[in-house]
Amino acid sequence: MTPKKPQGEGFPLALLGMVLVQEVPRSPTQFDLISIVPSNTEIPSKEHRENITARFSDLISAIESHKSWTPPNVDRSLFHVWDFVKRSHYIMTELDNMVAGRPLKHPDQIPKNDGTSTGPAAAAASFHDVLTRTIMINQSIQDPRMLVMMGMSNADFGPAIKEKSVAVMKALTDSTENQPSS
């Protein structure tokens, strides 16, 4: 079933595969979620995975360079976004091990999608999880009011973090639009 596109700037909530997403108006920092989150997600090529993982590393560095990143008193919203990004980065680093059925470094850190933790289907489900997590991360960074709705403070992420978040989204978009088999 294809969601209908209503009149106006955005789409209402739509169920795509097993993922609930909301399309937002398009701008340089917002993406067409329906094309980013295909319901039949496969893991992207090694080249795309390396690019996505590198963009996550850049985003992590930008967050850790933020003026409010002052351990042990890190801004709560900044910490939660950082934690979400770190987990997404970690999942990306384990996709090859999942496909090959090798042990994971921290298996408890990766959700068991459909009850599986190894094999190509588990890797594809985990990559799909990274896609949806990144959409939420980007929306929260670009519009911190999303964090307020989740009970956190309205953080000012600044241009560096916003730029790196967009770069992660772009890498993911590129990987889902250009999926060579590998």
N, C-alpha and C. Protein backbone atom coordinates (compact mmCIF):
# COMPACT_ATOMS: atom_id res chain seq x y z
N MET A 1 0.84 -1.17 0.00
CA MET A 1 0.00 0.00 0.00
C MET A 1 0.89 1.24 0.00
N THR A 2 0.71 2.13 -0.96
CA THR A 2 1.47 3.36 -1.05
C THR A 2 0.72 4.47 -0.35
N PRO A 3 1.41 5.22 0.57
CA PRO A 3 0.73 6.31 1.24
C PRO A 3 0.34 7.39 0.24
N LYS A 4 -0.82 8.00 0.45
CA LYS A 4 -1.27 9.09 -0.42
C LYS A 4 -0.61 10.38 0.02
N LYS A 5 -0.26 11.20 -0.96
CA LYS A 5 0.37 12.49 -0.66
C LYS A 5 -0.73 13.54 -0.55
N PRO A 6 -0.95 14.05 0.68
CA PRO A 6 -1.97 15.08 0.84
C PRO A 6 -1.46 16.44 0.37
N GLN A 7 -2.36 17.38 0.28
CA GLN A 7 -1.99 18.75 -0.07
C GLN A 7 -1.25 19.37 1.10
N GLY A 8 -0.38 20.31 0.82
CA GLY A 8 0.35 20.99 1.89
C GLY A 8 1.83 20.75 1.77
N GLU A 9 2.56 21.16 2.81
CA GLU A 9 4.01 21.11 2.76
C GLU A 9 4.60 19.76 3.10
N GLY A 10 3.96 18.95 3.90
CA GLY A 10 4.55 17.69 4.32
C GLY A 10 3.56 16.56 4.20
N PHE A 11 4.00 15.39 4.56
CA PHE A 11 3.16 14.21 4.56
C PHE A 11 2.74 13.92 5.99
N PRO A 12 1.60 13.28 6.19
CA PRO A 12 1.27 12.82 7.54
C PRO A 12 2.10 11.58 7.85
N LEU A 13 1.91 11.06 9.03
CA LEU A 13 2.62 9.84 9.38
C LEU A 13 2.20 8.74 8.42
N ALA A 14 3.16 7.93 8.02
CA ALA A 14 2.89 6.85 7.08
C ALA A 14 3.61 5.60 7.55
N LEU A 15 2.99 4.47 7.40
CA LEU A 15 3.62 3.22 7.77
C LEU A 15 4.31 2.66 6.54
N LEU A 16 5.62 2.50 6.64
CA LEU A 16 6.43 2.00 5.53
C LEU A 16 7.13 0.75 6.00
N GLY A 17 6.80 -0.38 5.47
CA GLY A 17 7.36 -1.60 6.00
C GLY A 17 6.89 -1.73 7.44
N MET A 18 7.82 -1.74 8.36
CA MET A 18 7.48 -1.78 9.78
C MET A 18 7.95 -0.51 10.49
N VAL A 19 8.19 0.56 9.73
CA VAL A 19 8.76 1.77 10.30
C VAL A 19 7.78 2.92 10.17
N LEU A 20 7.55 3.61 11.26
CA LEU A 20 6.69 4.78 11.24
C LEU A 20 7.56 6.00 11.00
N VAL A 21 7.31 6.71 9.91
CA VAL A 21 8.10 7.89 9.58
C VAL A 21 7.18 9.03 9.23
N GLN A 22 7.69 10.22 9.29
CA GLN A 22 6.93 11.39 8.86
C GLN A 22 7.79 12.14 7.86
N GLU A 23 7.24 12.41 6.70
CA GLU A 23 7.99 13.20 5.74
C GLU A 23 7.83 14.66 6.11
N VAL A 24 8.91 15.38 5.96
CA VAL A 24 8.93 16.79 6.30
C VAL A 24 9.16 17.59 5.03
N PRO A 25 8.88 18.90 5.06
CA PRO A 25 9.13 19.70 3.87
C PRO A 25 10.59 19.58 3.45
N ARG A 26 10.84 19.58 2.16
CA ARG A 26 12.20 19.43 1.67
C ARG A 26 12.98 20.74 1.79
N SER A 27 14.18 20.63 2.27
CA SER A 27 15.11 21.74 2.33
C SER A 27 16.50 21.11 2.29
N PRO A 28 17.56 21.90 2.30
CA PRO A 28 18.89 21.29 2.28
C PRO A 28 19.16 20.38 3.46
N THR A 29 18.42 20.51 4.54
CA THR A 29 18.67 19.68 5.72
C THR A 29 17.60 18.63 5.96
N GLN A 30 16.58 18.59 5.12
CA GLN A 30 15.50 17.62 5.30
C GLN A 30 15.36 16.81 4.03
N PHE A 31 15.03 15.55 4.17
CA PHE A 31 15.09 14.62 3.07
C PHE A 31 13.75 13.94 2.82
N ASP A 32 13.59 13.41 1.63
CA ASP A 32 12.40 12.66 1.26
C ASP A 32 12.49 11.29 1.94
N LEU A 33 11.81 11.14 3.06
CA LEU A 33 11.94 9.94 3.87
C LEU A 33 11.44 8.70 3.16
N ILE A 34 10.45 8.84 2.33
CA ILE A 34 9.91 7.67 1.65
C ILE A 34 10.96 7.05 0.75
N SER A 35 11.79 7.86 0.10
CA SER A 35 12.82 7.27 -0.75
C SER A 35 14.03 6.81 0.06
N ILE A 36 14.22 7.35 1.26
CA ILE A 36 15.36 6.96 2.08
C ILE A 36 15.11 5.63 2.79
N VAL A 37 13.90 5.35 3.20
CA VAL A 37 13.62 4.18 4.01
C VAL A 37 12.80 3.17 3.20
N PRO A 38 13.44 2.49 2.26
CA PRO A 38 12.70 1.46 1.54
C PRO A 38 12.39 0.30 2.48
N SER A 39 11.25 -0.33 2.28
CA SER A 39 10.86 -1.41 3.18
C SER A 39 11.69 -2.67 2.95
N ASN A 40 12.37 -2.77 1.82
CA ASN A 40 13.16 -3.95 1.51
C ASN A 40 14.66 -3.66 1.61
N THR A 41 15.05 -2.94 2.65
CA THR A 41 16.43 -2.50 2.81
C THR A 41 17.41 -3.67 2.78
N GLU A 42 18.46 -3.50 1.99
CA GLU A 42 19.60 -4.40 2.00
C GLU A 42 20.78 -3.58 2.44
N ILE A 43 21.82 -4.24 2.92
CA ILE A 43 22.96 -3.44 3.32
C ILE A 43 23.64 -2.90 2.06
N PRO A 44 24.16 -1.68 2.14
CA PRO A 44 24.80 -1.08 0.98
C PRO A 44 26.18 -1.68 0.72
N SER A 45 26.78 -1.27 -0.37
CA SER A 45 28.11 -1.76 -0.73
C SER A 45 29.12 -1.39 0.34
N LYS A 46 30.26 -2.07 0.32
CA LYS A 46 31.33 -1.80 1.28
C LYS A 46 31.75 -0.34 1.21
N GLU A 47 31.87 0.20 0.01
CA GLU A 47 32.26 1.60 -0.17
C GLU A 47 31.25 2.54 0.50
N HIS A 48 29.97 2.28 0.30
CA HIS A 48 28.94 3.10 0.93
C HIS A 48 28.97 2.95 2.45
N ARG A 49 29.14 1.72 2.93
CA ARG A 49 29.20 1.50 4.38
C ARG A 49 30.37 2.26 5.01
N GLU A 50 31.52 2.24 4.33
CA GLU A 50 32.68 2.97 4.84
C GLU A 50 32.42 4.47 4.86
N ASN A 51 31.76 4.98 3.84
CA ASN A 51 31.43 6.41 3.78
C ASN A 51 30.45 6.78 4.90
N ILE A 52 29.43 5.98 5.10
CA ILE A 52 28.45 6.25 6.16
C ILE A 52 29.14 6.24 7.52
N THR A 53 29.96 5.23 7.77
CA THR A 53 30.67 5.11 9.04
C THR A 53 31.59 6.31 9.27
N ALA A 54 32.27 6.75 8.22
CA ALA A 54 33.15 7.93 8.32
C ALA A 54 32.34 9.19 8.64
N ARG A 55 31.16 9.32 8.01
CA ARG A 55 30.32 10.50 8.29
C ARG A 55 29.81 10.47 9.73
N PHE A 56 29.48 9.27 10.24
CA PHE A 56 29.10 9.16 11.65
C PHE A 56 30.27 9.59 12.54
N SER A 57 31.49 9.17 12.21
CA SER A 57 32.67 9.58 13.00
C SER A 57 32.82 11.09 13.00
N ASP A 58 32.61 11.71 11.84
CA ASP A 58 32.68 13.18 11.75
C ASP A 58 31.64 13.84 12.64
N LEU A 59 30.43 13.29 12.64
CA LEU A 59 29.36 13.84 13.48
C LEU A 59 29.69 13.67 14.96
N ILE A 60 30.22 12.52 15.33
CA ILE A 60 30.62 12.29 16.72
C ILE A 60 31.69 13.31 17.13
N SER A 61 32.68 13.54 16.27
CA SER A 61 33.73 14.53 16.57
C SER A 61 33.15 15.93 16.73
N ALA A 62 32.19 16.27 15.87
CA ALA A 62 31.57 17.60 15.96
C ALA A 62 30.81 17.75 17.27
N ILE A 63 30.09 16.71 17.68
CA ILE A 63 29.35 16.76 18.95
C ILE A 63 30.34 16.90 20.11
N GLU A 64 31.42 16.12 20.08
CA GLU A 64 32.41 16.17 21.16
C GLU A 64 33.18 17.49 21.18
N SER A 65 33.14 18.26 20.09
CA SER A 65 33.80 19.57 20.02
C SER A 65 32.86 20.71 20.41
N HIS A 66 31.60 20.41 20.64
CA HIS A 66 30.61 21.44 20.99
C HIS A 66 30.98 22.09 22.32
N LYS A 67 30.71 23.38 22.43
CA LYS A 67 31.07 24.14 23.65
C LYS A 67 30.41 23.58 24.91
N SER A 68 29.28 22.90 24.78
CA SER A 68 28.59 22.33 25.96
C SER A 68 29.04 20.91 26.28
N TRP A 69 30.01 20.40 25.51
CA TRP A 69 30.54 19.06 25.78
C TRP A 69 31.69 19.22 26.77
N THR A 70 31.34 19.26 28.05
CA THR A 70 32.34 19.46 29.09
C THR A 70 32.15 18.39 30.15
N PRO A 71 32.76 17.20 29.92
CA PRO A 71 32.60 16.15 30.92
C PRO A 71 33.10 16.61 32.28
N PRO A 72 32.53 16.21 33.38
CA PRO A 72 31.45 15.24 33.48
C PRO A 72 30.06 15.88 33.40
N ASN A 73 29.98 17.17 33.12
CA ASN A 73 28.69 17.87 33.11
C ASN A 73 28.22 18.21 31.71
N VAL A 74 28.14 17.22 30.86
CA VAL A 74 27.71 17.41 29.48
C VAL A 74 26.22 17.73 29.46
N ASP A 75 25.83 18.66 28.59
CA ASP A 75 24.41 18.97 28.40
C ASP A 75 23.66 17.68 28.12
N ARG A 76 22.55 17.47 28.81
CA ARG A 76 21.78 16.22 28.74
C ARG A 76 21.32 15.91 27.31
N SER A 77 20.79 16.90 26.61
CA SER A 77 20.31 16.66 25.24
C SER A 77 21.48 16.32 24.32
N LEU A 78 22.58 17.03 24.47
CA LEU A 78 23.77 16.76 23.67
C LEU A 78 24.26 15.34 23.92
N PHE A 79 24.27 14.93 25.19
CA PHE A 79 24.71 13.58 25.52
C PHE A 79 23.81 12.53 24.89
N HIS A 80 22.50 12.71 24.97
CA HIS A 80 21.58 11.71 24.43
C HIS A 80 21.70 11.60 22.91
N VAL A 81 21.88 12.72 22.23
CA VAL A 81 22.08 12.67 20.78
C VAL A 81 23.40 11.97 20.48
N TRP A 82 24.46 12.32 21.22
CA TRP A 82 25.76 11.68 21.04
C TRP A 82 25.64 10.17 21.22
N ASP A 83 24.95 9.73 22.27
CA ASP A 83 24.78 8.31 22.54
C ASP A 83 24.04 7.62 21.40
N PHE A 84 23.02 8.26 20.88
CA PHE A 84 22.24 7.71 19.76
C PHE A 84 23.12 7.59 18.52
N VAL A 85 23.94 8.61 18.26
CA VAL A 85 24.84 8.60 17.10
C VAL A 85 25.91 7.52 17.28
N LYS A 86 26.48 7.42 18.49
CA LYS A 86 27.51 6.40 18.75
C LYS A 86 26.97 4.99 18.52
N ARG A 87 25.75 4.74 18.96
CA ARG A 87 25.18 3.40 18.76
C ARG A 87 24.96 3.13 17.28
N SER A 88 24.47 4.12 16.55
CA SER A 88 24.28 3.95 15.10
C SER A 88 25.61 3.67 14.42
N HIS A 89 26.65 4.40 14.81
CA HIS A 89 28.00 4.18 14.28
C HIS A 89 28.46 2.76 14.58
N TYR A 90 28.25 2.32 15.82
CA TYR A 90 28.66 0.97 16.21
C TYR A 90 27.93 -0.09 15.37
N ILE A 91 26.65 0.08 15.19
CA ILE A 91 25.89 -0.89 14.38
C ILE A 91 26.48 -0.98 12.98
N MET A 92 26.83 0.17 12.40
CA MET A 92 27.43 0.17 11.05
C MET A 92 28.74 -0.63 11.04
N THR A 93 29.53 -0.54 12.11
CA THR A 93 30.82 -1.25 12.14
C THR A 93 30.65 -2.75 12.28
N GLU A 94 29.49 -3.21 12.67
CA GLU A 94 29.27 -4.65 12.88
C GLU A 94 28.50 -5.33 11.75
N LEU A 95 28.09 -4.61 10.73
CA LEU A 95 27.29 -5.23 9.66
C LEU A 95 28.02 -6.39 8.98
N ASP A 96 29.31 -6.23 8.69
CA ASP A 96 30.06 -7.32 8.05
C ASP A 96 30.08 -8.56 8.93
N ASN A 97 30.29 -8.37 10.23
CA ASN A 97 30.29 -9.51 11.15
C ASN A 97 28.92 -10.18 11.21
N MET A 98 27.87 -9.39 11.15
CA MET A 98 26.52 -9.95 11.18
C MET A 98 26.27 -10.82 9.94
N VAL A 99 26.63 -10.27 8.76
CA VAL A 99 26.42 -11.02 7.52
C VAL A 99 27.17 -12.35 7.56
N ALA A 100 28.43 -12.31 8.04
CA ALA A 100 29.28 -13.50 8.06
C ALA A 100 28.97 -14.45 9.22
N GLY A 101 28.12 -14.02 10.15
CA GLY A 101 27.80 -14.87 11.29
C GLY A 101 28.89 -14.89 12.35
N ARG A 102 29.81 -13.92 12.30
CA ARG A 102 30.89 -13.84 13.29
C ARG A 102 30.36 -13.20 14.58
N PRO A 103 31.03 -13.45 15.70
CA PRO A 103 30.61 -12.84 16.97
C PRO A 103 30.72 -11.31 16.91
N LEU A 104 29.82 -10.64 17.60
CA LEU A 104 29.83 -9.19 17.69
C LEU A 104 30.55 -8.78 18.97
N LYS A 105 31.20 -7.62 18.96
CA LYS A 105 31.92 -7.14 20.15
C LYS A 105 30.96 -6.90 21.31
N HIS A 106 29.86 -6.26 21.02
CA HIS A 106 28.87 -5.92 22.06
C HIS A 106 27.47 -6.27 21.54
N PRO A 107 27.14 -7.55 21.49
CA PRO A 107 25.85 -7.96 20.90
C PRO A 107 24.64 -7.36 21.60
N ASP A 108 24.76 -7.04 22.89
CA ASP A 108 23.64 -6.47 23.62
C ASP A 108 23.35 -5.03 23.20
N GLN A 109 24.25 -4.42 22.43
CA GLN A 109 24.07 -3.04 21.98
C GLN A 109 23.33 -2.95 20.65
N ILE A 110 23.04 -4.10 20.05
CA ILE A 110 22.35 -4.11 18.76
C ILE A 110 21.00 -4.80 18.93
N PRO A 111 19.92 -4.10 18.61
CA PRO A 111 18.59 -4.72 18.75
C PRO A 111 18.47 -5.98 17.89
N LYS A 112 17.81 -6.99 18.43
CA LYS A 112 17.54 -8.21 17.67
C LYS A 112 16.26 -7.97 16.88
N ASN A 113 16.43 -7.55 15.65
CA ASN A 113 15.28 -7.29 14.79
C ASN A 113 14.71 -8.61 14.32
N ASP A 114 13.45 -8.81 14.53
CA ASP A 114 12.77 -10.06 14.19
C ASP A 114 13.42 -11.25 14.89
N GLY A 115 14.05 -11.03 16.04
CA GLY A 115 14.63 -12.11 16.82
C GLY A 115 15.94 -12.66 16.30
N THR A 116 16.50 -12.08 15.24
CA THR A 116 17.75 -12.59 14.69
C THR A 116 18.89 -11.63 14.99
N SER A 117 20.09 -12.19 15.14
CA SER A 117 21.25 -11.35 15.40
C SER A 117 22.40 -11.61 14.45
N THR A 118 22.29 -12.63 13.60
CA THR A 118 23.33 -12.89 12.61
C THR A 118 22.71 -13.23 11.27
N GLY A 119 23.54 -13.13 10.25
CA GLY A 119 23.12 -13.44 8.90
C GLY A 119 22.72 -12.20 8.12
N PRO A 120 22.56 -12.35 6.81
CA PRO A 120 22.22 -11.21 5.95
C PRO A 120 20.91 -10.52 6.34
N ALA A 121 19.91 -11.28 6.76
CA ALA A 121 18.63 -10.66 7.14
C ALA A 121 18.79 -9.80 8.39
N ALA A 122 19.58 -10.26 9.35
CA ALA A 122 19.83 -9.48 10.57
C ALA A 122 20.60 -8.21 10.23
N ALA A 123 21.59 -8.32 9.34
CA ALA A 123 22.37 -7.14 8.94
C ALA A 123 21.47 -6.14 8.22
N ALA A 124 20.60 -6.63 7.34
CA ALA A 124 19.69 -5.72 6.63
C ALA A 124 18.74 -5.04 7.61
N ALA A 125 18.22 -5.78 8.57
CA ALA A 125 17.32 -5.19 9.57
C ALA A 125 18.07 -4.16 10.42
N SER A 126 19.31 -4.45 10.76
CA SER A 126 20.10 -3.50 11.55
C SER A 126 20.43 -2.25 10.74
N PHE A 127 20.72 -2.42 9.45
CA PHE A 127 20.96 -1.25 8.61
C PHE A 127 19.68 -0.41 8.51
N HIS A 128 18.54 -1.06 8.39
CA HIS A 128 17.26 -0.36 8.35
C HIS A 128 17.07 0.42 9.65
N ASP A 129 17.47 -0.19 10.77
CA ASP A 129 17.40 0.49 12.06
C ASP A 129 18.29 1.74 12.06
N VAL A 130 19.49 1.63 11.49
CA VAL A 130 20.39 2.79 11.39
C VAL A 130 19.73 3.89 10.56
N LEU A 131 19.09 3.51 9.46
CA LEU A 131 18.40 4.51 8.63
C LEU A 131 17.36 5.28 9.45
N THR A 132 16.51 4.57 10.14
CA THR A 132 15.44 5.24 10.88
C THR A 132 15.99 6.02 12.07
N ARG A 133 17.01 5.49 12.73
CA ARG A 133 17.65 6.22 13.83
C ARG A 133 18.23 7.54 13.33
N THR A 134 18.86 7.49 12.16
CA THR A 134 19.51 8.68 11.61
C THR A 134 18.49 9.73 11.22
N ILE A 135 17.35 9.31 10.74
CA ILE A 135 16.28 10.27 10.43
C ILE A 135 15.89 11.01 11.71
N MET A 136 15.72 10.26 12.78
CA MET A 136 15.36 10.89 14.06
C MET A 136 16.48 11.80 14.56
N ILE A 137 17.71 11.35 14.46
CA ILE A 137 18.86 12.16 14.87
C ILE A 137 18.87 13.47 14.09
N ASN A 138 18.77 13.37 12.77
CA ASN A 138 18.84 14.58 11.95
C ASN A 138 17.69 15.53 12.26
N GLN A 139 16.49 15.01 12.40
CA GLN A 139 15.36 15.88 12.73
C GLN A 139 15.56 16.55 14.08
N SER A 140 16.11 15.82 15.05
CA SER A 140 16.35 16.39 16.38
C SER A 140 17.43 17.46 16.35
N ILE A 141 18.45 17.26 15.53
CA ILE A 141 19.53 18.24 15.43
C ILE A 141 19.07 19.47 14.66
N GLN A 142 18.36 19.27 13.57
CA GLN A 142 17.93 20.40 12.74
C GLN A 142 16.82 21.20 13.43
N ASP A 143 15.98 20.52 14.21
CA ASP A 143 14.89 21.19 14.91
C ASP A 143 14.84 20.67 16.34
N PRO A 144 15.62 21.28 17.25
CA PRO A 144 15.72 20.78 18.62
C PRO A 144 14.40 20.72 19.38
N ARG A 145 13.33 21.30 18.84
CA ARG A 145 12.03 21.17 19.51
C ARG A 145 11.62 19.70 19.59
N MET A 146 12.16 18.87 18.69
CA MET A 146 11.90 17.43 18.75
C MET A 146 12.40 16.87 20.09
N LEU A 147 13.53 17.37 20.55
CA LEU A 147 14.08 16.91 21.83
C LEU A 147 13.17 17.30 22.99
N VAL A 148 12.58 18.49 22.91
CA VAL A 148 11.67 18.95 23.95
C VAL A 148 10.47 18.01 24.04
N MET A 149 9.99 17.55 22.89
CA MET A 149 8.85 16.61 22.89
C MET A 149 9.22 15.29 23.56
N MET A 150 10.53 14.99 23.62
CA MET A 150 10.98 13.76 24.27
C MET A 150 11.45 14.02 25.70
N GLY A 151 11.16 15.22 26.22
CA GLY A 151 11.48 15.53 27.60
C GLY A 151 12.88 16.05 27.85
N MET A 152 13.58 16.43 26.79
CA MET A 152 14.93 16.97 26.94
C MET A 152 14.91 18.47 26.71
N SER A 153 16.07 19.08 26.89
CA SER A 153 16.16 20.53 26.70
C SER A 153 16.32 20.87 25.23
N ASN A 154 15.99 22.09 24.90
CA ASN A 154 16.11 22.61 23.54
C ASN A 154 17.55 23.06 23.33
N ALA A 155 18.38 22.19 22.79
CA ALA A 155 19.81 22.46 22.64
C ALA A 155 20.10 23.23 21.35
N ASP A 156 21.11 24.07 21.41
CA ASP A 156 21.60 24.75 20.21
C ASP A 156 22.81 23.95 19.73
N PHE A 157 22.62 23.17 18.68
CA PHE A 157 23.69 22.31 18.20
C PHE A 157 24.74 23.06 17.40
N GLY A 158 24.37 24.19 16.85
CA GLY A 158 25.33 24.98 16.08
C GLY A 158 25.52 24.45 14.68
N PRO A 159 26.16 25.24 13.82
CA PRO A 159 26.28 24.89 12.40
C PRO A 159 27.16 23.67 12.12
N ALA A 160 28.20 23.43 12.90
CA ALA A 160 29.09 22.30 12.61
C ALA A 160 28.37 20.97 12.78
N ILE A 161 27.62 20.81 13.87
CA ILE A 161 26.89 19.56 14.10
C ILE A 161 25.78 19.41 13.07
N LYS A 162 25.08 20.49 12.78
CA LYS A 162 24.01 20.42 11.77
C LYS A 162 24.56 20.00 10.42
N GLU A 163 25.70 20.55 10.05
CA GLU A 163 26.33 20.21 8.76
C GLU A 163 26.74 18.74 8.72
N LYS A 164 27.32 18.24 9.80
CA LYS A 164 27.76 16.83 9.84
C LYS A 164 26.56 15.89 9.84
N SER A 165 25.47 16.30 10.47
CA SER A 165 24.25 15.49 10.46
C SER A 165 23.69 15.36 9.05
N VAL A 166 23.70 16.47 8.33
CA VAL A 166 23.25 16.46 6.93
C VAL A 166 24.16 15.55 6.10
N ALA A 167 25.46 15.57 6.38
CA ALA A 167 26.40 14.72 5.64
C ALA A 167 26.10 13.23 5.87
N VAL A 168 25.72 12.87 7.09
CA VAL A 168 25.34 11.47 7.36
C VAL A 168 24.09 11.12 6.56
N MET A 169 23.10 12.00 6.58
CA MET A 169 21.87 11.76 5.82
C MET A 169 22.17 11.62 4.33
N LYS A 170 23.04 12.46 3.82
CA LYS A 170 23.41 12.40 2.39
C LYS A 170 24.08 11.07 2.08
N ALA A 171 24.99 10.63 2.94
CA ALA A 171 25.66 9.35 2.72
C ALA A 171 24.65 8.20 2.72
N LEU A 172 23.69 8.25 3.63
CA LEU A 172 22.66 7.21 3.67
C LEU A 172 21.76 7.28 2.44
N THR A 173 21.39 8.49 2.04
CA THR A 173 20.56 8.65 0.84
C THR A 173 21.28 8.09 -0.37
N ASP A 174 22.55 8.44 -0.52
CA ASP A 174 23.33 7.93 -1.65
C ASP A 174 23.40 6.41 -1.63
N SER A 175 23.51 5.82 -0.45
CA SER A 175 23.65 4.37 -0.36
C SER A 175 22.35 3.65 -0.71
N THR A 176 21.20 4.26 -0.42
CA THR A 176 19.94 3.58 -0.71
C THR A 176 19.50 3.82 -2.15
N GLU A 177 19.98 4.92 -2.75
CA GLU A 177 19.63 5.19 -4.14
C GLU A 177 20.52 4.44 -5.11
N ASN A 178 21.74 4.15 -4.70
CA ASN A 178 22.73 3.50 -5.57
C ASN A 178 23.22 2.23 -4.90
N GLN A 179 22.39 1.21 -4.87
CA GLN A 179 22.75 -0.02 -4.17
C GLN A 179 23.32 -1.06 -5.12
N PRO A 180 24.64 -1.00 -5.39
CA PRO A 180 25.21 -2.10 -6.15
C PRO A 180 25.26 -3.33 -5.26
N SER A 181 25.21 -4.48 -5.84
CA SER A 181 25.24 -5.68 -5.01
C SER A 181 26.66 -5.95 -4.54
N SER A 182 26.77 -6.30 -3.26
CA SER A 182 28.06 -6.71 -2.69
C SER A 182 27.85 -7.34 -1.36
